[in-house]
Protein backbone atom coordinates (compact mmCIF):
# COMPACT_ATOMS: atom_id res chain seq x y z
CA MET A 1 -112.46 -139.77 -181.23
CA THR A 2 -114.09 -139.25 -184.62
CA GLU A 3 -112.19 -139.56 -187.88
CA ARG A 4 -112.59 -135.84 -188.46
CA GLU A 5 -111.16 -134.98 -185.02
CA SER A 6 -108.20 -137.26 -185.69
CA GLU A 7 -107.56 -135.61 -189.05
CA THR A 8 -107.69 -132.15 -187.44
CA ILE A 9 -105.13 -133.11 -184.82
CA LEU A 10 -102.77 -134.69 -187.33
CA ALA A 11 -103.09 -131.79 -189.79
CA PHE A 12 -101.46 -129.33 -187.38
CA LYS A 13 -98.60 -127.25 -188.77
CA PRO A 14 -96.31 -125.46 -186.28
CA PRO A 15 -95.89 -121.68 -186.56
CA PRO A 16 -92.95 -120.55 -188.73
CA LEU A 17 -89.67 -120.34 -186.85
CA ALA A 18 -89.35 -116.62 -187.61
CA MET A 19 -92.78 -115.97 -186.09
CA LEU A 20 -91.92 -117.98 -182.96
CA ARG A 21 -88.68 -116.03 -182.62
CA LEU A 22 -90.59 -112.75 -182.85
CA TRP A 23 -93.25 -113.83 -180.32
CA LEU A 24 -90.69 -115.05 -177.80
CA ALA A 25 -88.08 -112.29 -178.23
CA PRO A 26 -89.16 -110.22 -175.17
CA ALA A 27 -89.38 -113.31 -172.92
CA ARG A 28 -86.04 -114.63 -174.19
CA ALA A 29 -84.39 -111.30 -173.42
CA TRP A 30 -86.00 -111.30 -169.97
CA HIS A 31 -85.21 -114.87 -168.91
CA ARG A 32 -82.16 -115.68 -171.12
CA PRO A 33 -82.95 -119.42 -171.42
CA SER A 34 -79.93 -121.72 -171.53
CA PHE A 35 -80.06 -125.30 -172.90
CA ILE A 36 -77.87 -128.31 -172.19
CA GLY A 37 -77.91 -131.64 -174.00
CA VAL A 38 -80.30 -130.57 -176.77
CA GLU A 39 -77.73 -131.66 -179.34
CA ARG A 40 -78.11 -135.26 -178.09
CA VAL A 41 -81.74 -135.45 -179.23
CA ASP A 42 -82.26 -137.70 -182.25
CA PRO A 43 -84.83 -135.91 -184.45
CA SER A 44 -85.11 -138.87 -186.85
CA ARG A 45 -86.78 -141.11 -184.27
CA PRO A 46 -90.26 -140.32 -182.87
CA THR A 47 -89.72 -139.58 -179.19
CA MET A 48 -91.69 -138.92 -176.03
CA PHE A 49 -90.18 -135.98 -174.14
CA VAL A 50 -91.09 -136.15 -170.45
CA GLY A 51 -90.39 -133.33 -168.02
CA ASN A 52 -91.27 -131.50 -164.84
CA HIS A 53 -94.16 -129.05 -165.05
CA THR A 54 -93.27 -125.64 -163.67
CA LEU A 55 -95.73 -123.27 -161.99
CA TYR A 56 -98.54 -122.52 -164.48
CA GLY A 57 -96.43 -124.19 -167.18
CA ILE A 58 -96.68 -121.32 -169.63
CA GLN A 59 -93.35 -119.56 -169.22
CA ASP A 60 -90.78 -122.17 -170.17
CA VAL A 61 -92.60 -124.59 -172.51
CA PRO A 62 -92.68 -122.20 -175.52
CA HIS A 63 -88.90 -121.71 -175.18
CA ILE A 64 -88.34 -125.48 -175.09
CA LEU A 65 -90.49 -126.02 -178.19
CA TYR A 66 -88.73 -123.18 -179.99
CA GLU A 67 -85.27 -124.57 -179.20
CA LEU A 68 -86.15 -128.06 -180.45
CA ARG A 69 -87.55 -126.50 -183.62
CA ARG A 70 -84.51 -124.26 -184.09
CA VAL A 71 -81.89 -126.96 -183.51
CA HIS A 72 -83.59 -130.06 -184.90
CA GLY A 73 -86.59 -128.88 -186.89
CA ILE A 74 -89.03 -130.84 -184.70
CA PHE A 75 -92.04 -129.51 -182.79
CA PRO A 76 -93.38 -132.05 -180.25
CA ARG A 77 -97.12 -132.15 -179.65
CA THR A 78 -97.79 -131.25 -176.05
CA LEU A 79 -100.45 -133.19 -174.14
CA SER A 80 -102.52 -130.95 -171.84
CA ASP A 81 -105.23 -131.42 -169.24
CA ARG A 82 -108.79 -131.25 -170.60
CA VAL A 83 -109.59 -128.36 -168.23
CA HIS A 84 -107.41 -126.07 -170.36
CA PHE A 85 -109.60 -126.70 -173.40
CA GLU A 86 -112.72 -125.59 -171.55
CA VAL A 87 -111.43 -122.00 -171.28
CA PRO A 88 -112.24 -119.76 -174.27
CA VAL A 89 -109.32 -117.93 -175.92
CA TRP A 90 -106.81 -119.84 -173.77
CA ARG A 91 -107.63 -123.09 -175.62
CA ASP A 92 -107.09 -121.28 -178.92
CA LEU A 93 -103.63 -120.16 -177.82
CA LEU A 94 -102.76 -123.73 -176.79
CA THR A 95 -103.94 -125.03 -180.15
CA VAL A 96 -101.62 -122.58 -181.95
CA PHE A 97 -98.72 -124.25 -180.12
CA GLY A 98 -99.90 -127.73 -181.10
CA CYS A 99 -101.33 -128.74 -177.71
CA VAL A 100 -103.93 -131.49 -177.66
CA GLU A 101 -106.09 -132.85 -174.89
CA GLY A 102 -104.08 -135.55 -173.16
CA THR A 103 -106.40 -138.49 -173.79
CA ARG A 104 -105.15 -141.96 -174.63
CA GLU A 105 -107.01 -141.79 -177.95
CA ASN A 106 -105.25 -138.57 -178.96
CA CYS A 107 -101.90 -139.92 -177.81
CA ARG A 108 -102.34 -143.15 -179.76
CA ALA A 109 -103.34 -141.26 -182.91
CA LEU A 110 -100.22 -139.09 -182.71
CA MET A 111 -97.96 -142.07 -182.02
CA ARG A 112 -99.41 -144.08 -184.90
CA ALA A 113 -98.54 -141.09 -187.09
CA GLY A 114 -94.98 -141.11 -185.72
CA GLN A 115 -95.11 -137.64 -184.17
CA HIS A 116 -92.92 -136.44 -181.32
CA LEU A 117 -94.74 -135.92 -178.01
CA MET A 118 -94.14 -133.77 -174.95
CA VAL A 119 -95.67 -135.03 -171.71
CA PHE A 120 -95.87 -133.63 -168.19
CA PRO A 121 -97.13 -136.49 -165.99
CA GLY A 122 -97.80 -134.13 -163.07
CA GLY A 123 -100.61 -132.52 -165.03
CA GLN A 124 -102.75 -129.88 -163.41
CA ARG A 125 -101.67 -130.74 -159.87
CA GLU A 126 -98.06 -129.97 -160.74
CA VAL A 127 -99.03 -126.83 -162.67
CA PHE A 128 -100.98 -125.44 -159.71
CA LYS A 129 -98.17 -125.91 -157.26
CA ARG A 130 -98.41 -125.14 -153.59
CA LYS A 131 -95.94 -123.30 -151.41
CA ASN A 132 -92.55 -125.01 -151.05
CA GLU A 133 -93.18 -127.33 -154.03
CA ALA A 134 -90.77 -125.67 -156.48
CA CYS A 135 -88.74 -128.16 -158.55
CA ARG A 136 -90.70 -131.14 -157.23
CA LEU A 137 -92.26 -133.92 -159.27
CA ILE A 138 -95.89 -134.49 -158.25
CA TRP A 139 -96.87 -137.47 -160.38
CA LYS A 140 -99.09 -139.38 -157.97
CA GLU A 141 -99.37 -142.97 -159.29
CA ARG A 142 -99.66 -142.12 -162.99
CA ILE A 143 -98.11 -144.64 -165.37
CA GLY A 144 -100.20 -144.03 -168.49
CA PHE A 145 -97.41 -142.18 -170.28
CA VAL A 146 -94.85 -144.97 -169.84
CA THR A 147 -97.46 -147.58 -170.74
CA LEU A 148 -98.10 -145.90 -174.09
CA ALA A 149 -94.39 -145.28 -174.72
CA ALA A 150 -93.65 -148.97 -174.08
CA ALA A 151 -96.58 -150.17 -176.20
CA PHE A 152 -95.43 -148.11 -179.19
CA GLY A 153 -91.70 -148.59 -178.59
CA TYR A 154 -91.12 -144.85 -178.18
CA PRO A 155 -87.85 -143.89 -176.50
CA ILE A 156 -88.32 -141.45 -173.62
CA VAL A 157 -86.11 -138.37 -173.32
CA PRO A 158 -86.35 -137.00 -169.75
CA PHE A 159 -85.81 -133.24 -169.52
CA ALA A 160 -85.64 -130.78 -166.65
CA SER A 161 -86.61 -127.12 -166.49
CA LEU A 162 -85.38 -124.74 -163.81
CA GLY A 163 -86.16 -121.08 -163.17
CA ALA A 164 -89.85 -120.61 -163.93
CA ASP A 165 -90.91 -121.82 -160.48
CA GLU A 166 -88.76 -119.17 -158.81
CA SER A 167 -89.74 -116.25 -161.08
CA LEU A 168 -93.19 -116.14 -159.47
CA HIS A 169 -93.95 -116.27 -155.75
CA ILE A 170 -97.02 -118.06 -154.42
CA ALA A 171 -98.94 -115.77 -152.07
CA VAL A 172 -102.02 -117.95 -151.62
CA ASP A 173 -102.22 -121.60 -152.68
CA GLY A 174 -105.05 -124.13 -153.03
CA PRO A 175 -105.07 -125.29 -149.39
CA ASP A 176 -105.12 -121.65 -148.23
CA ILE A 177 -108.18 -120.97 -150.34
CA MET A 178 -109.96 -124.18 -149.30
CA SER A 179 -109.41 -123.44 -145.61
CA SER A 180 -110.88 -119.95 -146.00
CA PRO A 181 -114.59 -119.02 -145.88
CA ILE A 182 -114.59 -119.09 -149.69
CA GLY A 183 -113.30 -122.66 -149.66
CA LYS A 184 -115.95 -123.74 -147.17
CA LEU A 185 -118.60 -122.22 -149.42
CA LEU A 186 -117.16 -124.05 -152.45
CA ARG A 187 -117.32 -127.34 -150.54
CA ALA A 188 -120.83 -126.76 -149.23
CA SER A 189 -122.12 -125.87 -152.70
CA GLY A 190 -120.53 -128.94 -154.28
CA ILE A 191 -118.52 -126.78 -156.69
CA ALA A 192 -115.21 -127.90 -155.19
CA ASP A 193 -115.84 -131.57 -155.91
CA LYS A 194 -117.69 -131.13 -159.20
CA TYR A 195 -115.44 -128.61 -160.91
CA LEU A 196 -112.27 -128.15 -158.82
CA ARG A 197 -111.31 -131.74 -157.94
CA GLY A 198 -111.74 -131.05 -154.27
CA GLY A 199 -109.64 -127.90 -154.52
CA GLU A 200 -106.75 -129.46 -156.43
CA ALA A 201 -107.71 -127.51 -159.57
CA LEU A 202 -107.54 -124.14 -157.82
CA PRO A 203 -104.74 -122.01 -159.29
CA PRO A 204 -102.50 -120.34 -156.71
CA LEU A 205 -102.43 -116.56 -156.46
CA VAL A 206 -98.96 -115.34 -157.34
CA ARG A 207 -96.86 -112.21 -157.56
CA GLY A 208 -93.68 -111.44 -159.46
CA LEU A 209 -91.84 -108.14 -159.43
CA GLY A 210 -93.06 -106.25 -156.40
CA LEU A 211 -96.82 -106.72 -156.21
CA THR A 212 -97.25 -107.21 -159.96
CA TRP A 213 -97.81 -110.36 -162.00
CA ILE A 214 -94.69 -109.64 -164.07
CA PRO A 215 -92.28 -112.57 -163.49
CA GLU A 216 -88.93 -111.72 -161.99
CA PRO A 217 -86.07 -111.89 -164.54
CA ASP A 218 -84.71 -115.22 -163.30
CA ARG A 219 -82.67 -117.17 -165.85
CA PHE A 220 -84.22 -120.34 -167.24
CA PHE A 221 -82.13 -123.50 -167.53
CA VAL A 222 -83.27 -126.58 -169.46
CA SER A 223 -81.46 -129.89 -169.87
CA PHE A 224 -82.16 -132.98 -171.96
CA GLY A 225 -80.97 -136.27 -170.52
CA PRO A 226 -79.97 -139.41 -172.43
CA PRO A 227 -82.89 -141.27 -174.03
CA ILE A 228 -84.36 -144.22 -172.13
CA SER A 229 -85.16 -147.16 -174.36
CA THR A 230 -88.55 -148.83 -173.86
CA SER A 231 -87.78 -151.85 -176.07
CA ALA A 232 -87.21 -154.14 -173.07
CA TYR A 233 -90.66 -153.18 -171.75
CA ARG A 234 -92.62 -153.49 -174.98
CA ARG A 235 -94.08 -156.90 -174.13
CA ARG A 236 -94.64 -155.85 -170.53
CA ALA A 237 -96.77 -152.75 -171.13
CA LYS A 238 -99.60 -154.34 -169.12
CA ASP A 239 -97.31 -155.24 -166.24
CA VAL A 240 -97.97 -152.57 -163.60
CA ALA A 241 -94.77 -153.31 -161.68
CA ALA A 242 -92.68 -153.02 -164.85
CA MET A 243 -94.34 -149.71 -165.75
CA HIS A 244 -93.62 -148.32 -162.29
CA GLU A 245 -90.01 -149.39 -162.75
CA LEU A 246 -89.81 -147.55 -166.08
CA ARG A 247 -91.50 -144.52 -164.57
CA ALA A 248 -88.97 -144.50 -161.72
CA LYS A 249 -86.12 -144.43 -164.23
CA VAL A 250 -87.61 -141.39 -165.95
CA ALA A 251 -88.28 -139.58 -162.66
CA SER A 252 -84.76 -140.30 -161.37
CA SER A 253 -83.23 -138.80 -164.51
CA ILE A 254 -85.31 -135.63 -164.23
CA GLU A 255 -84.52 -135.23 -160.52
CA ALA A 256 -80.79 -135.73 -161.16
CA GLN A 257 -80.88 -133.12 -163.91
CA LEU A 258 -82.74 -130.64 -161.69
CA GLU A 259 -80.12 -131.08 -158.99
CA PHE A 260 -77.36 -130.50 -161.54
CA LEU A 261 -79.03 -127.36 -162.92
CA GLN A 262 -79.42 -125.98 -159.40
CA ARG A 263 -75.71 -126.54 -158.73
CA MET A 264 -74.85 -124.89 -162.03
CA ARG A 265 -77.05 -121.89 -161.24
CA ARG A 266 -75.49 -121.46 -157.80
CA SER A 267 -72.04 -121.67 -159.35
CA MET A 268 -72.84 -119.08 -162.04
CA SER A 269 -74.47 -116.65 -159.64
CA GLY A 270 -71.76 -116.97 -157.01
CA GLU A 271 -74.32 -117.77 -154.30
CA ASP A 272 -71.94 -120.23 -152.69
CA ALA A 273 -68.39 -118.90 -152.69
CA ASN A 274 -67.08 -122.30 -151.60
CA ALA A 275 -68.93 -124.27 -154.25
CA ARG A 276 -66.81 -125.92 -156.91
CA ARG A 277 -67.51 -124.34 -160.28
CA VAL A 278 -69.69 -126.54 -162.46
CA ARG A 279 -68.04 -127.43 -165.76
CA THR A 280 -69.07 -129.09 -169.00
CA SER A 281 -67.26 -132.23 -167.91
CA ASP A 282 -69.60 -132.42 -164.89
CA TRP A 283 -72.58 -132.63 -167.23
CA ASP A 284 -70.85 -135.34 -169.25
CA LYS A 285 -70.28 -137.34 -166.05
CA LEU A 286 -73.96 -136.99 -165.11
CA VAL A 287 -75.02 -138.23 -168.54
CA VAL A 288 -72.70 -141.23 -168.31
CA GLY A 289 -74.10 -142.00 -164.86
CA LEU A 290 -77.70 -141.81 -166.12
CA GLU A 291 -76.88 -144.01 -169.12
CA THR A 292 -75.23 -146.55 -166.80
CA GLN A 293 -78.30 -146.62 -164.55
CA ALA A 294 -80.56 -147.15 -167.56
CA GLU A 295 -78.37 -149.97 -168.88
CA ARG A 296 -78.33 -151.71 -165.50
CA ALA A 297 -82.11 -151.45 -165.28
CA LYS A 298 -82.44 -152.85 -168.79
CA ARG A 299 -80.27 -155.85 -167.85
CA ARG A 300 -82.40 -156.43 -164.73
CA VAL A 301 -85.58 -156.47 -166.82
CA THR A 302 -84.02 -158.85 -169.37
CA SER A 303 -82.84 -161.26 -166.68
CA ARG A 304 -86.24 -161.24 -164.98
CA THR A 305 -87.97 -161.94 -168.28
CA LYS A 306 -85.65 -164.89 -168.96
CA ALA A 307 -86.23 -166.24 -165.44
CA ILE A 308 -90.02 -166.11 -165.94
CA LYS A 309 -89.75 -167.91 -169.29
CA ASN A 310 -87.57 -170.62 -167.74
CA ARG A 311 -90.16 -171.22 -165.00
CA VAL A 312 -92.89 -171.59 -167.61
């Protein structure tokens, strides 16, 4: 990264709150986003927000950024796949919302400047979901995000987003396309491997209301879990096993939150007449449970570190 590129990234100013409110007003009225745990976020400490990427990833993220700006005055910089920045007009829209290409160089520059980050480890694969993959984390073996968080001592706030995956229905996904005559042609021509990552980068064909692309008016639910400290991992950022352990803690928190949000949605909609109504106290219990898990994991890491030092 050149010095000029770094300066451009760091010079970003988020759109005024009033403008964001105006832009998002129709979508907010349509999806009625609801937020839980946002008040627990500490805006004074640079944080890495890590969440699940919903289908296409463009419906819920603006609402999440707006809510953090409205409540805490912060606007995390979202890290996006480089493919997005190769598409004219689309890359300009992403830039307006502070998105940057998710390279390690860009991430380091933002963290050195003490900026908040928003990361979706699933990347493009999780954005271009396949059938029956709603609300699933598809992170492969990626640990780069936890490695950087540990190296810079950034706390990680896991968050979960529910609703966007269900507002659109996948009619044809990547595997469907690749198994069709078109897919065979893409393979034979080399386009699939050169530009589409073997078909992984193929966006699914979706429908919303009826046969249109208009998303169904499903409610969006977003939760922010308790922050996960990376201080115990700071000297172990190069330890692959330790980074997988930290990653597992983040993933477990997101999955637990998704499960909670699904229960809450069923309770609110009356889908399950026998389901116990979800209450605020249930969320508090979940948070306590997640904090307890994180504390236990921290103690395990500390004890292992001491054991290694004693052997040496």
